Amino acid sequence: MDGQNLSQATKSLTSTLEAMAWYISRLGRVEEMLDVLDTFNTLLQSSRPPAPELDAWDVDLTQRMASLKARIKGYRVHAGRMQLQGQAILQTVFCLIGTNDNRLNYQATQASVRIAEDFKRVALLTRKDSTDMRIIAAVTLLFLPGTFVATFFSTSFLDFLGDDRAPRVSGLGMGLYWATTTLLTTVVLVCWLRVSRIQTAKDAVVVKL
């Protein structure tokens, strides 16, 4: 039984119990009225002179009222028993509603756990991709200054040829190349690390907010 049917059953049982309570209260009022009539009849019998016809009528009236009171009392007992049974059924329905809510909460919790695990996997994959991109960026930045310096030194307006105009390895040229490459590589890597740390700090502030 789903939650909607349980709610409808709760409304129906509540309405039935309210009707039973009204019915029991009406029976109680009728029983009180019969007690008043019985008392009035007793006073009337004690105050009037003896008469055989009225005595027979009084006996019949007393028996009828006693029978009616017994029936009303039986109705009240039966209605009270039914009211107790209805309350027990209503409590059972409430327990079923609580069980159904607990089951739905458990399913929602399990779904939240699965979503959290999916987010965790996505975060790990994103972190792996970010690490791979950082490695690629570091390797690129490591070789970029040397490539730039080699390309720059190979231009025609820098002359590293000997007096005989034959290509040869120049100690001064090699020293200048490595010095320039090391300096540019250091500057580029330091700037990259600095910018990366600043961006990481900004991301941390955004996450806290």
Protein backbone atom coordinates (compact mmCIF):
# COMPACT_ATOMS: atom_id res chain seq x y z
CA MET A 1 0.00 0.00 0.00
CA ASP A 2 1.45 3.34 -1.06
CA GLY A 3 1.46 6.60 0.85
CA GLN A 4 -1.60 8.05 -0.93
CA ASN A 5 -3.80 5.05 -0.07
CA LEU A 6 -2.57 5.14 3.53
CA SER A 7 -3.50 8.82 3.79
CA GLN A 8 -6.98 8.14 2.43
CA ALA A 9 -7.38 5.24 4.88
CA THR A 10 -6.33 7.53 7.74
CA LYS A 11 -8.92 10.14 6.75
CA SER A 12 -11.66 7.51 6.47
CA LEU A 13 -10.81 5.94 9.83
CA THR A 14 -10.66 9.33 11.52
CA SER A 15 -14.08 10.27 10.14
CA THR A 16 -15.50 6.91 11.25
CA LEU A 17 -14.10 7.29 14.76
CA GLU A 18 -15.56 10.78 15.04
CA ALA A 19 -18.96 9.43 13.97
CA MET A 20 -18.66 6.60 16.52
CA ALA A 21 -17.83 9.08 19.28
CA TRP A 22 -20.88 11.16 18.38
CA TYR A 23 -23.05 8.02 18.30
CA ILE A 24 -21.81 6.92 21.74
CA SER A 25 -22.45 10.38 23.20
CA ARG A 26 -26.01 10.38 21.78
CA LEU A 27 -26.65 6.97 23.29
CA GLY A 28 -25.43 8.27 26.63
CA ARG A 29 -27.84 11.21 26.44
CA VAL A 30 -30.72 8.87 25.61
CA GLU A 31 -29.80 6.66 28.55
CA GLU A 32 -29.78 9.71 30.85
CA MET A 33 -33.20 10.72 29.56
CA LEU A 34 -34.51 7.21 30.27
CA ASP A 35 -33.14 7.43 33.83
CA VAL A 36 -34.97 10.73 34.30
CA LEU A 37 -38.19 9.20 32.94
CA ASP A 38 -37.76 6.17 35.20
CA THR A 39 -37.31 8.42 38.24
CA PHE A 40 -40.32 10.51 37.25
CA ASN A 41 -42.40 7.35 36.76
CA THR A 42 -41.39 6.07 40.19
CA LEU A 43 -42.37 9.35 41.82
CA LEU A 44 -45.65 9.32 39.93
CA GLN A 45 -46.45 5.78 41.06
CA SER A 46 -45.74 6.62 44.67
CA SER A 47 -47.91 9.74 44.61
CA ARG A 48 -51.07 8.44 42.92
CA PRO A 49 -53.77 6.26 44.57
CA PRO A 50 -53.82 2.55 43.82
CA ALA A 51 -55.54 1.60 40.55
CA PRO A 52 -55.32 -1.86 38.92
CA GLU A 53 -55.46 -0.51 35.37
CA LEU A 54 -52.68 2.01 35.99
CA ASP A 55 -50.62 -0.56 37.88
CA ALA A 56 -50.62 -2.85 34.85
CA TRP A 57 -49.71 0.07 32.62
CA ASP A 58 -46.91 1.09 35.00
CA VAL A 59 -45.51 -2.44 35.03
CA ASP A 60 -45.55 -2.60 31.24
CA LEU A 61 -43.92 0.84 30.98
CA THR A 62 -41.26 -0.10 33.51
CA GLN A 63 -40.45 -3.31 31.61
CA ARG A 64 -40.28 -1.50 28.29
CA MET A 65 -38.00 1.17 29.71
CA ALA A 66 -35.76 -1.48 31.32
CA SER A 67 -35.57 -3.36 28.01
CA LEU A 68 -34.79 -0.14 26.13
CA LYS A 69 -32.08 0.81 28.65
CA ALA A 70 -30.53 -2.66 28.35
CA ARG A 71 -30.51 -2.41 24.55
CA ILE A 72 -28.98 1.07 24.69
CA LYS A 73 -26.35 -0.15 27.13
CA GLY A 74 -25.55 -3.03 24.78
CA TYR A 75 -25.30 -0.61 21.86
CA ARG A 76 -22.92 1.57 23.84
CA VAL A 77 -20.72 -1.39 24.77
CA HIS A 78 -20.66 -2.61 21.18
CA ALA A 79 -19.94 0.89 19.87
CA GLY A 80 -17.15 1.33 22.42
CA ARG A 81 -15.62 -1.99 21.36
CA MET A 82 -15.80 -0.94 17.72
CA GLN A 83 -14.24 2.41 18.63
CA LEU A 84 -11.32 0.65 20.33
CA GLN A 85 -10.87 -1.59 17.29
CA GLY A 86 -10.93 1.46 15.01
CA GLN A 87 -8.31 3.20 17.15
CA ALA A 88 -6.12 0.09 16.98
CA ILE A 89 -6.51 -0.01 13.20
CA LEU A 90 -5.71 3.71 13.02
CA GLN A 91 -2.54 3.18 15.06
CA THR A 92 -1.61 0.34 12.70
CA VAL A 93 -2.11 2.64 9.72
CA PHE A 94 0.06 5.28 11.41
CA CYS A 95 2.75 2.64 11.92
CA LEU A 96 2.50 1.69 8.24
CA ILE A 97 2.81 5.35 7.26
CA GLY A 98 5.89 5.68 9.48
CA THR A 99 7.37 2.53 7.96
CA ASN A 100 6.66 3.82 4.48
CA ASP A 101 8.26 7.18 5.31
CA ASN A 102 11.31 5.42 6.76
CA ARG A 103 11.60 3.32 3.61
CA LEU A 104 11.38 6.42 1.42
CA ASN A 105 13.95 8.20 3.59
CA TYR A 106 16.24 5.19 3.34
CA GLN A 107 15.90 5.16 -0.44
CA ALA A 108 16.58 8.91 -0.56
CA THR A 109 19.65 8.40 1.64
CA GLN A 110 20.92 5.62 -0.60
CA ALA A 111 20.37 7.83 -3.65
CA SER A 112 22.24 10.66 -1.94
CA VAL A 113 25.12 8.29 -1.16
CA ARG A 114 25.27 7.16 -4.79
CA ILE A 115 25.20 10.77 -5.99
CA ALA A 116 27.99 11.64 -3.53
CA GLU A 117 30.05 8.71 -4.81
CA ASP A 118 29.47 9.85 -8.40
CA PHE A 119 30.55 13.37 -7.48
CA LYS A 120 33.61 11.92 -5.78
CA ARG A 121 34.54 9.97 -8.92
CA VAL A 122 33.98 13.07 -11.04
CA ALA A 123 36.17 15.08 -8.68
CA LEU A 124 38.92 12.44 -8.85
CA LEU A 125 38.77 12.38 -12.64
CA THR A 126 38.81 16.18 -12.75
CA ARG A 127 41.78 16.25 -10.40
CA LYS A 128 43.58 13.67 -12.57
CA ASP A 129 42.89 15.74 -15.68
CA SER A 130 44.09 18.85 -13.87
CA THR A 131 47.28 17.05 -12.79
CA ASP A 132 47.88 15.86 -16.35
CA MET A 133 47.39 19.38 -17.69
CA ARG A 134 49.81 20.75 -15.10
CA ILE A 135 52.41 18.18 -16.13
CA ILE A 136 51.93 19.06 -19.80
CA ALA A 137 52.15 22.78 -18.96
CA ALA A 138 55.29 22.25 -16.87
CA VAL A 139 57.00 20.23 -19.64
CA THR A 140 55.98 22.84 -22.21
CA LEU A 141 57.24 25.70 -20.08
CA LEU A 142 60.45 23.79 -19.43
CA PHE A 143 61.29 23.40 -23.11
CA LEU A 144 59.73 26.57 -24.47
CA PRO A 145 62.47 29.03 -23.39
CA GLY A 146 65.22 26.77 -24.81
CA THR A 147 63.36 26.43 -28.10
CA PHE A 148 62.85 30.17 -28.24
CA VAL A 149 66.51 30.93 -27.51
CA ALA A 150 67.73 28.33 -30.05
CA THR A 151 65.42 29.80 -32.70
CA PHE A 152 66.52 33.32 -31.82
CA PHE A 153 70.23 32.43 -31.96
CA SER A 154 69.77 30.76 -35.34
CA THR A 155 68.67 34.00 -36.99
CA SER A 156 70.95 35.60 -39.57
CA PHE A 157 71.74 38.77 -37.64
CA LEU A 158 73.66 36.80 -34.96
CA ASP A 159 77.01 35.56 -36.32
CA PHE A 160 78.63 32.62 -34.52
CA LEU A 161 80.82 31.53 -37.49
CA GLY A 162 84.56 31.49 -37.27
CA ASP A 163 86.99 33.58 -39.25
CA ASP A 164 86.99 30.99 -42.03
CA ARG A 165 83.17 31.28 -42.17
CA ALA A 166 82.81 27.59 -41.35
CA PRO A 167 80.17 26.46 -38.84
CA ARG A 168 81.64 25.41 -35.54
CA VAL A 169 80.72 25.16 -31.91
CA SER A 170 81.58 28.39 -30.13
CA GLY A 171 82.27 28.29 -26.42
CA LEU A 172 80.96 31.82 -26.03
CA GLY A 173 77.81 31.00 -28.03
CA MET A 174 77.11 27.85 -26.01
CA GLY A 175 77.65 29.68 -22.73
CA LEU A 176 75.40 32.51 -23.82
CA TYR A 177 72.75 30.03 -24.98
CA TRP A 178 72.67 28.07 -21.72
CA ALA A 179 72.80 31.18 -19.56
CA THR A 180 69.92 32.78 -21.45
CA THR A 181 67.92 29.55 -21.54
CA THR A 182 68.40 28.90 -17.82
CA LEU A 183 67.43 32.45 -16.90
CA LEU A 184 64.32 32.48 -19.09
CA THR A 185 63.28 29.00 -17.93
CA THR A 186 63.62 30.02 -14.28
CA VAL A 187 61.67 33.23 -14.80
CA VAL A 188 58.89 31.44 -16.70
CA LEU A 189 58.57 28.63 -14.14
CA VAL A 190 58.58 31.05 -11.18
CA CYS A 191 55.89 33.20 -12.81
CA TRP A 192 53.83 30.10 -13.62
CA LEU A 193 54.04 28.82 -10.03
CA ARG A 194 53.18 32.24 -8.66
CA VAL A 195 50.13 32.64 -10.89
CA SER A 196 49.04 29.06 -10.11
CA ARG A 197 49.21 29.67 -6.34
CA ILE A 198 47.24 32.91 -6.63
CA GLN A 199 44.53 31.17 -8.65
CA THR A 200 44.43 28.29 -6.15
CA ALA A 201 43.96 30.76 -3.29
CA LYS A 202 41.11 32.49 -5.14
CA ASP A 203 39.41 29.14 -5.80
CA ALA A 204 39.70 28.25 -2.10
CA VAL A 205 38.02 31.53 -1.12
CA VAL A 206 35.20 30.90 -3.61
CA VAL A 207 34.68 27.38 -2.23
CA LYS A 208 34.44 28.71 1.37
CA LEU A 209 31.83 31.27 0.32
